[in-house]
Amino acid sequence: MEVIFYTRNRCPLCVDAKLILQHLQKEHSFQIIERDIETSDEWTEKYGLMIPVVEINGEVVQYGMIDPLTIEEKLNHL
């Protein structure tokens, strides 16, 4: 399974969110696909005010302040 993680440089919330995802990887089998929104005008327009963004199976599960319980709940129901 893949978890898409939209991020950008100089984003403290993104650093925290990545650590949460890496911690959850220890209990759930998934690959983190990191996408820097500054490499795509489309991603910047879509997610510029939302980052970090966690997407699972094409669904935005959470953005901004990432809560490990919300992400884990989604992973448990796949």
PDB file of N, CA and C in Angstrom:
ATOM      1  N   MET A   1       0.835  -1.166   0.000  1.00  0.00           N
ATOM      2  CA  MET A   1       0.000   0.000   0.000  1.00  0.00           C
ATOM      3  C   MET A   1       0.888   1.240   0.000  1.00  0.00           C
ATOM      4  N   GLU A   2       0.384   2.296  -0.614  1.00  0.00           N
ATOM      5  CA  GLU A   2       1.112   3.555  -0.683  1.00  0.00           C
ATOM      6  C   GLU A   2       0.351   4.655   0.051  1.00  0.00           C
ATOM      7  N   VAL A   3       1.095   5.453   0.786  1.00  0.00           N
ATOM      8  CA  VAL A   3       0.561   6.651   1.416  1.00  0.00           C
ATOM      9  C   VAL A   3       1.256   7.828   0.740  1.00  0.00           C
ATOM     10  N   ILE A   4       0.462   8.681   0.110  1.00  0.00           N
ATOM     11  CA  ILE A   4       1.018   9.852  -0.560  1.00  0.00           C
ATOM     12  C   ILE A   4       1.101  10.971   0.464  1.00  0.00           C
ATOM     13  N   PHE A   5       2.276  11.565   0.552  1.00  0.00           N
ATOM     14  CA  PHE A   5       2.544  12.606   1.532  1.00  0.00           C
ATOM     15  C   PHE A   5       2.976  13.866   0.791  1.00  0.00           C
ATOM     16  N   TYR A   6       2.079  14.868   0.740  1.00  0.00           N
ATOM     17  CA  TYR A   6       2.384  16.138   0.086  1.00  0.00           C
ATOM     18  C   TYR A   6       3.040  17.061   1.104  1.00  0.00           C
ATOM     19  N   THR A   7       4.151  17.666   0.709  1.00  0.00           N
ATOM     20  CA  THR A   7       4.971  18.446   1.615  1.00  0.00           C
ATOM     21  C   THR A   7       5.638  19.582   0.857  1.00  0.00           C
ATOM     22  N   ARG A   8       6.442  20.356   1.554  1.00  0.00           N
ATOM     23  CA  ARG A   8       7.305  21.384   0.928  1.00  0.00           C
ATOM     24  C   ARG A   8       8.450  21.682   1.881  1.00  0.00           C
ATOM     25  N   ASN A   9       9.477  22.317   1.372  1.00  0.00           N
ATOM     26  CA  ASN A   9      10.624  22.711   2.200  1.00  0.00           C
ATOM     27  C   ASN A   9      10.212  23.758   3.227  1.00  0.00           C
ATOM     28  N   ARG A  10      10.950  23.812   4.316  1.00  0.00           N
ATOM     29  CA  ARG A  10      10.735  24.795   5.373  1.00  0.00           C
ATOM     30  C   ARG A  10       9.322  24.726   5.943  1.00  0.00           C
ATOM     31  N   CYS A  11       8.883  23.519   6.246  1.00  0.00           N
ATOM     32  CA  CYS A  11       7.528  23.294   6.761  1.00  0.00           C
ATOM     33  C   CYS A  11       7.630  22.459   8.040  1.00  0.00           C
ATOM     34  N   PRO A  12       7.610  23.096   9.199  1.00  0.00           N
ATOM     35  CA  PRO A  12       7.728  22.352  10.462  1.00  0.00           C
ATOM     36  C   PRO A  12       6.620  21.312  10.667  1.00  0.00           C
ATOM     37  N   LEU A  13       5.405  21.625  10.230  1.00  0.00           N
ATOM     38  CA  LEU A  13       4.320  20.647  10.347  1.00  0.00           C
ATOM     39  C   LEU A  13       4.603  19.407   9.500  1.00  0.00           C
ATOM     40  N   CYS A  14       5.259  19.613   8.372  1.00  0.00           N
ATOM     41  CA  CYS A  14       5.594  18.489   7.489  1.00  0.00           C
ATOM     42  C   CYS A  14       6.621  17.567   8.147  1.00  0.00           C
ATOM     43  N   VAL A  15       7.586  18.151   8.838  1.00  0.00           N
ATOM     44  CA  VAL A  15       8.591  17.357   9.544  1.00  0.00           C
ATOM     45  C   VAL A  15       7.908  16.485  10.595  1.00  0.00           C
ATOM     46  N   ASP A  16       7.011  17.071  11.354  1.00  0.00           N
ATOM     47  CA  ASP A  16       6.280  16.318  12.380  1.00  0.00           C
ATOM     48  C   ASP A  16       5.431  15.217  11.751  1.00  0.00           C
ATOM     49  N   ALA A  17       4.745  15.544  10.669  1.00  0.00           N
ATOM     50  CA  ALA A  17       3.879  14.571  10.002  1.00  0.00           C
ATOM     51  C   ALA A  17       4.680  13.396   9.453  1.00  0.00           C
ATOM     52  N   LYS A  18       5.848  13.677   8.890  1.00  0.00           N
ATOM     53  CA  LYS A  18       6.685  12.601   8.348  1.00  0.00           C
ATOM     54  C   LYS A  18       7.131  11.657   9.459  1.00  0.00           C
ATOM     55  N   LEU A  19       7.480  12.202  10.615  1.00  0.00           N
ATOM     56  CA  LEU A  19       7.857  11.355  11.751  1.00  0.00           C
ATOM     57  C   LEU A  19       6.695  10.470  12.189  1.00  0.00           C
ATOM     58  N   ILE A  20       5.488  11.013  12.178  1.00  0.00           N
ATOM     59  CA  ILE A  20       4.291  10.234  12.523  1.00  0.00           C
ATOM     60  C   ILE A  20       4.112   9.090  11.535  1.00  0.00           C
ATOM     61  N   LEU A  21       4.229   9.387  10.247  1.00  0.00           N
ATOM     62  CA  LEU A  21       4.072   8.346   9.225  1.00  0.00           C
ATOM     63  C   LEU A  21       5.145   7.269   9.366  1.00  0.00           C
ATOM     64  N   GLN A  22       6.366   7.684   9.611  1.00  0.00           N
ATOM     65  CA  GLN A  22       7.446   6.709   9.773  1.00  0.00           C
ATOM     66  C   GLN A  22       7.208   5.825  10.990  1.00  0.00           C
ATOM     67  N   HIS A  23       6.685   6.392  12.046  1.00  0.00           N
ATOM     68  CA  HIS A  23       6.356   5.601  13.235  1.00  0.00           C
ATOM     69  C   HIS A  23       5.243   4.596  12.925  1.00  0.00           C
ATOM     70  N   LEU A  24       4.225   5.024  12.189  1.00  0.00           N
ATOM     71  CA  LEU A  24       3.118   4.132  11.846  1.00  0.00           C
ATOM     72  C   LEU A  24       3.550   3.007  10.901  1.00  0.00           C
ATOM     73  N   GLN A  25       4.608   3.251  10.122  1.00  0.00           N
ATOM     74  CA  GLN A  25       5.128   2.211   9.228  1.00  0.00           C
ATOM     75  C   GLN A  25       5.611   0.985   9.998  1.00  0.00           C
ATOM     76  N   LYS A  26       5.989   1.166  11.247  1.00  0.00           N
ATOM     77  CA  LYS A  26       6.477   0.044  12.046  1.00  0.00           C
ATOM     78  C   LYS A  26       5.379  -0.961  12.342  1.00  0.00           C
ATOM     79  N   GLU A  27       4.121  -0.506  12.345  1.00  0.00           N
ATOM     80  CA  GLU A  27       3.000  -1.394  12.661  1.00  0.00           C
ATOM     81  C   GLU A  27       2.141  -1.718  11.446  1.00  0.00           C
ATOM     82  N   HIS A  28       2.248  -0.910  10.414  1.00  0.00           N
ATOM     83  CA  HIS A  28       1.435  -1.095   9.208  1.00  0.00           C
ATOM     84  C   HIS A  28       2.361  -1.140   8.006  1.00  0.00           C
ATOM     85  N   SER A  29       2.020  -1.985   7.071  1.00  0.00           N
ATOM     86  CA  SER A  29       2.859  -2.142   5.888  1.00  0.00           C
ATOM     87  C   SER A  29       2.416  -1.152   4.806  1.00  0.00           C
ATOM     88  N   PHE A  30       3.174  -0.071   4.648  1.00  0.00           N
ATOM     89  CA  PHE A  30       2.897   0.883   3.584  1.00  0.00           C
ATOM     90  C   PHE A  30       4.179   1.614   3.206  1.00  0.00           C
ATOM     91  N   GLN A  31       4.159   2.141   2.004  1.00  0.00           N
ATOM     92  CA  GLN A  31       5.279   2.909   1.480  1.00  0.00           C
ATOM     93  C   GLN A  31       4.874   4.378   1.474  1.00  0.00           C
ATOM     94  N   ILE A  32       5.760   5.251   1.921  1.00  0.00           N
ATOM     95  CA  ILE A  32       5.507   6.685   1.892  1.00  0.00           C
ATOM     96  C   ILE A  32       6.032   7.239   0.566  1.00  0.00           C
ATOM     97  N   ILE A  33       5.146   7.823  -0.215  1.00  0.00           N
ATOM     98  CA  ILE A  33       5.521   8.490  -1.458  1.00  0.00           C
ATOM     99  C   ILE A  33       5.464   9.983  -1.165  1.00  0.00           C
ATOM    100  N   GLU A  34       6.613  10.607  -1.073  1.00  0.00           N
ATOM    101  CA  GLU A  34       6.688  12.021  -0.711  1.00  0.00           C
ATOM    102  C   GLU A  34       6.679  12.871  -1.970  1.00  0.00           C
ATOM    103  N   ARG A  35       5.778  13.860  -1.992  1.00  0.00           N
ATOM    104  CA  ARG A  35       5.672  14.753  -3.142  1.00  0.00           C
ATOM    105  C   ARG A  35       5.817  16.199  -2.680  1.00  0.00           C
ATOM    106  N   ASP A  36       6.830  16.852  -3.179  1.00  0.00           N
ATOM    107  CA  ASP A  36       7.066  18.264  -2.878  1.00  0.00           C
ATOM    108  C   ASP A  36       6.148  19.096  -3.772  1.00  0.00           C
ATOM    109  N   ILE A  37       5.191  19.802  -3.162  1.00  0.00           N
ATOM    110  CA  ILE A  37       4.213  20.535  -3.970  1.00  0.00           C
ATOM    111  C   ILE A  37       4.858  21.654  -4.788  1.00  0.00           C
ATOM    112  N   GLU A  38       6.051  22.076  -4.404  1.00  0.00           N
ATOM    113  CA  GLU A  38       6.715  23.151  -5.140  1.00  0.00           C
ATOM    114  C   GLU A  38       7.278  22.674  -6.479  1.00  0.00           C
ATOM    115  N   THR A  39       7.199  21.369  -6.751  1.00  0.00           N
ATOM    116  CA  THR A  39       7.664  20.844  -8.038  1.00  0.00           C
ATOM    117  C   THR A  39       6.535  20.766  -9.057  1.00  0.00           C
ATOM    118  N   SER A  40       5.323  21.132  -8.647  1.00  0.00           N
ATOM    119  CA  SER A  40       4.173  21.031  -9.545  1.00  0.00           C
ATOM    120  C   SER A  40       3.206  22.191  -9.282  1.00  0.00           C
ATOM    121  N   ASP A  41       2.906  22.949 -10.326  1.00  0.00           N
ATOM    122  CA  ASP A  41       1.938  24.039 -10.184  1.00  0.00           C
ATOM    123  C   ASP A  41       0.574  23.502  -9.745  1.00  0.00           C
ATOM    124  N   GLU A  42       0.207  22.338 -10.279  1.00  0.00           N
ATOM    125  CA  GLU A  42      -1.085  21.733  -9.926  1.00  0.00           C
ATOM    126  C   GLU A  42      -1.148  21.415  -8.429  1.00  0.00           C
ATOM    127  N   TRP A  43      -0.091  20.792  -7.892  1.00  0.00           N
ATOM    128  CA  TRP A  43      -0.066  20.449  -6.460  1.00  0.00           C
ATOM    129  C   TRP A  43      -0.026  21.703  -5.596  1.00  0.00           C
ATOM    130  N   THR A  44       0.733  22.719  -6.045  1.00  0.00           N
ATOM    131  CA  THR A  44       0.811  23.963  -5.279  1.00  0.00           C
ATOM    132  C   THR A  44      -0.565  24.617  -5.203  1.00  0.00           C
ATOM    133  N   GLU A  45      -1.269  24.653  -6.324  1.00  0.00           N
ATOM    134  CA  GLU A  45      -2.604  25.254  -6.342  1.00  0.00           C
ATOM    135  C   GLU A  45      -3.582  24.454  -5.483  1.00  0.00           C
ATOM    136  N   LYS A  46      -3.500  23.144  -5.571  1.00  0.00           N
ATOM    137  CA  LYS A  46      -4.450  22.277  -4.875  1.00  0.00           C
ATOM    138  C   LYS A  46      -4.179  22.187  -3.370  1.00  0.00           C
ATOM    139  N   TYR A  47      -2.884  22.096  -2.979  1.00  0.00           N
ATOM    140  CA  TYR A  47      -2.535  21.812  -1.592  1.00  0.00           C
ATOM    141  C   TYR A  47      -1.753  22.928  -0.897  1.00  0.00           C
ATOM    142  N   GLY A  48      -1.506  24.040  -1.569  1.00  0.00           N
ATOM    143  CA  GLY A  48      -0.636  25.080  -1.040  1.00  0.00           C
ATOM    144  C   GLY A  48      -0.969  25.547   0.368  1.00  0.00           C
ATOM    145  N   LEU A  49      -2.242  25.663   0.694  1.00  0.00           N
ATOM    146  CA  LEU A  49      -2.651  26.133   2.017  1.00  0.00           C
ATOM    147  C   LEU A  49      -2.964  24.999   2.981  1.00  0.00           C
ATOM    148  N   MET A  50      -2.822  23.763   2.518  1.00  0.00           N
ATOM    149  CA  MET A  50      -3.240  22.615   3.319  1.00  0.00           C
ATOM    150  C   MET A  50      -2.084  21.807   3.902  1.00  0.00           C
ATOM    151  N   ILE A  51      -0.893  21.924   3.351  1.00  0.00           N
ATOM    152  CA  ILE A  51       0.180  20.996   3.696  1.00  0.00           C
ATOM    153  C   ILE A  51       0.506  20.991   5.180  1.00  0.00           C
ATOM    154  N   PRO A  52       0.972  19.882   5.678  1.00  0.00           N
ATOM    155  CA  PRO A  52       1.138  18.609   4.985  1.00  0.00           C
ATOM    156  C   PRO A  52      -0.214  17.951   4.704  1.00  0.00           C
ATOM    157  N   VAL A  53      -0.227  17.115   3.679  1.00  0.00           N
ATOM    158  CA  VAL A  53      -1.434  16.381   3.295  1.00  0.00           C
ATOM    159  C   VAL A  53      -1.092  14.907   3.224  1.00  0.00           C
ATOM    160  N   VAL A  54      -1.946  14.078   3.836  1.00  0.00           N
ATOM    161  CA  VAL A  54      -1.783  12.627   3.790  1.00  0.00           C
ATOM    162  C   VAL A  54      -2.953  12.062   2.987  1.00  0.00           C
ATOM    163  N   GLU A  55      -2.613  11.334   1.925  1.00  0.00           N
ATOM    164  CA  GLU A  55      -3.603  10.735   1.031  1.00  0.00           C
ATOM    165  C   GLU A  55      -3.408   9.227   1.028  1.00  0.00           C
ATOM    166  N   ILE A  56      -4.508   8.504   1.234  1.00  0.00           N
ATOM    167  CA  ILE A  56      -4.472   7.037   1.210  1.00  0.00           C
ATOM    168  C   ILE A  56      -5.552   6.560   0.264  1.00  0.00           C
ATOM    169  N   ASN A  57      -5.169   5.710  -0.695  1.00  0.00           N
ATOM    170  CA  ASN A  57      -6.112   5.187  -1.689  1.00  0.00           C
ATOM    171  C   ASN A  57      -6.886   6.295  -2.393  1.00  0.00           C
ATOM    172  N   GLY A  58      -6.190   7.379  -2.732  1.00  0.00           N
ATOM    173  CA  GLY A  58      -6.811   8.469  -3.469  1.00  0.00           C
ATOM    174  C   GLY A  58      -7.680   9.397  -2.631  1.00  0.00           C
ATOM    175  N   GLU A  59      -7.742   9.181  -1.337  1.00  0.00           N
ATOM    176  CA  GLU A  59      -8.563  10.000  -0.450  1.00  0.00           C
ATOM    177  C   GLU A  59      -7.672  10.815   0.488  1.00  0.00           C
ATOM    178  N   VAL A  60      -7.910  12.118   0.554  1.00  0.00           N
ATOM    179  CA  VAL A  60      -7.196  12.942   1.526  1.00  0.00           C
ATOM    180  C   VAL A  60      -7.750  12.579   2.898  1.00  0.00           C
ATOM    181  N   VAL A  61      -6.895  11.984   3.711  1.00  0.00           N
ATOM    182  CA  VAL A  61      -7.301  11.515   5.029  1.00  0.00           C
ATOM    183  C   VAL A  61      -7.159  12.627   6.060  1.00  0.00           C
ATOM    184  N   GLN A  62      -6.095  13.416   5.904  1.00  0.00           N
ATOM    185  CA  GLN A  62      -5.872  14.496   6.857  1.00  0.00           C
ATOM    186  C   GLN A  62      -4.899  15.498   6.270  1.00  0.00           C
ATOM    187  N   TYR A  63      -4.995  16.748   6.759  1.00  0.00           N
ATOM    188  CA  TYR A  63      -4.052  17.790   6.340  1.00  0.00           C
ATOM    189  C   TYR A  63      -3.848  18.770   7.489  1.00  0.00           C
ATOM    190  N   GLY A  64      -2.769  19.548   7.371  1.00  0.00           N
ATOM    191  CA  GLY A  64      -2.442  20.501   8.431  1.00  0.00           C
ATOM    192  C   GLY A  64      -1.822  19.791   9.620  1.00  0.00           C
ATOM    193  N   MET A  65      -2.463  19.892  10.755  1.00  0.00           N
ATOM    194  CA  MET A  65      -1.998  19.196  11.965  1.00  0.00           C
ATOM    195  C   MET A  65      -2.363  17.720  11.839  1.00  0.00           C
ATOM    196  N   ILE A  66      -1.376  16.879  11.621  1.00  0.00           N
ATOM    197  CA  ILE A  66      -1.605  15.450  11.407  1.00  0.00           C
ATOM    198  C   ILE A  66      -1.700  14.739  12.755  1.00  0.00           C
ATOM    199  N   ASP A  67      -2.777  13.991  12.912  1.00  0.00           N
ATOM    200  CA  ASP A  67      -3.056  13.252  14.138  1.00  0.00           C
ATOM    201  C   ASP A  67      -2.807  11.760  13.881  1.00  0.00           C
ATOM    202  N   PRO A  68      -1.886  11.151  14.610  1.00  0.00           N
ATOM    203  CA  PRO A  68      -1.571   9.741  14.346  1.00  0.00           C
ATOM    204  C   PRO A  68      -2.773   8.811  14.528  1.00  0.00           C
ATOM    205  N   LEU A  69      -3.673   9.122  15.427  1.00  0.00           N
ATOM    206  CA  LEU A  69      -4.834   8.253  15.651  1.00  0.00           C
ATOM    207  C   LEU A  69      -5.760   8.230  14.443  1.00  0.00           C
ATOM    208  N   THR A  70      -5.945   9.374  13.803  1.00  0.00           N
ATOM    209  CA  THR A  70      -6.799   9.442  12.608  1.00  0.00           C
ATOM    210  C   THR A  70      -6.193   8.633  11.469  1.00  0.00           C
ATOM    211  N   ILE A  71      -4.894   8.780  11.266  1.00  0.00           N
ATOM    212  CA  ILE A  71      -4.215   8.043  10.193  1.00  0.00           C
ATOM    213  C   ILE A  71      -4.255   6.542  10.507  1.00  0.00           C
ATOM    214  N   GLU A  72      -3.967   6.181  11.733  1.00  0.00           N
ATOM    215  CA  GLU A  72      -3.958   4.759  12.103  1.00  0.00           C
ATOM    216  C   GLU A  72      -5.349   4.152  11.953  1.00  0.00           C
ATOM    217  N   GLU A  73      -6.374   4.877  12.303  1.00  0.00           N
ATOM    218  CA  GLU A  73      -7.741   4.377  12.142  1.00  0.00           C
ATOM    219  C   GLU A  73      -8.048   4.059  10.683  1.00  0.00           C
ATOM    220  N   LYS A  74      -7.623   4.947   9.792  1.00  0.00           N
ATOM    221  CA  LYS A  74      -7.827   4.718   8.365  1.00  0.00           C
ATOM    222  C   LYS A  74      -7.028   3.479   7.914  1.00  0.00           C
ATOM    223  N   LEU A  75      -5.796   3.365   8.356  1.00  0.00           N
ATOM    224  CA  LEU A  75      -4.963   2.208   7.978  1.00  0.00           C
ATOM    225  C   LEU A  75      -5.562   0.902   8.494  1.00  0.00           C
ATOM    226  N   ASN A  76      -6.161   0.930   9.656  1.00  0.00           N
ATOM    227  CA  ASN A  76      -6.772  -0.269  10.225  1.00  0.00           C
ATOM    228  C   ASN A  76      -8.005  -0.725   9.474  1.00  0.00           C
ATOM    229  N   HIS A  77      -8.645   0.178   8.752  1.00  0.00           N
ATOM    230  CA  HIS A  77      -9.879  -0.157   8.058  1.00  0.00           C
ATOM    231  C   HIS A  77      -9.687  -0.413   6.579  1.00  0.00           C
ATOM    232  N   LEU A  78      -8.462  -0.660   6.181  1.00  0.00           N
ATOM    233  CA  LEU A  78      -8.195  -0.971   4.766  1.00  0.00           C
ATOM    234  C   LEU A  78      -8.114  -2.462   4.559  1.00  0.00           C
TER     235      LEU A  78
END
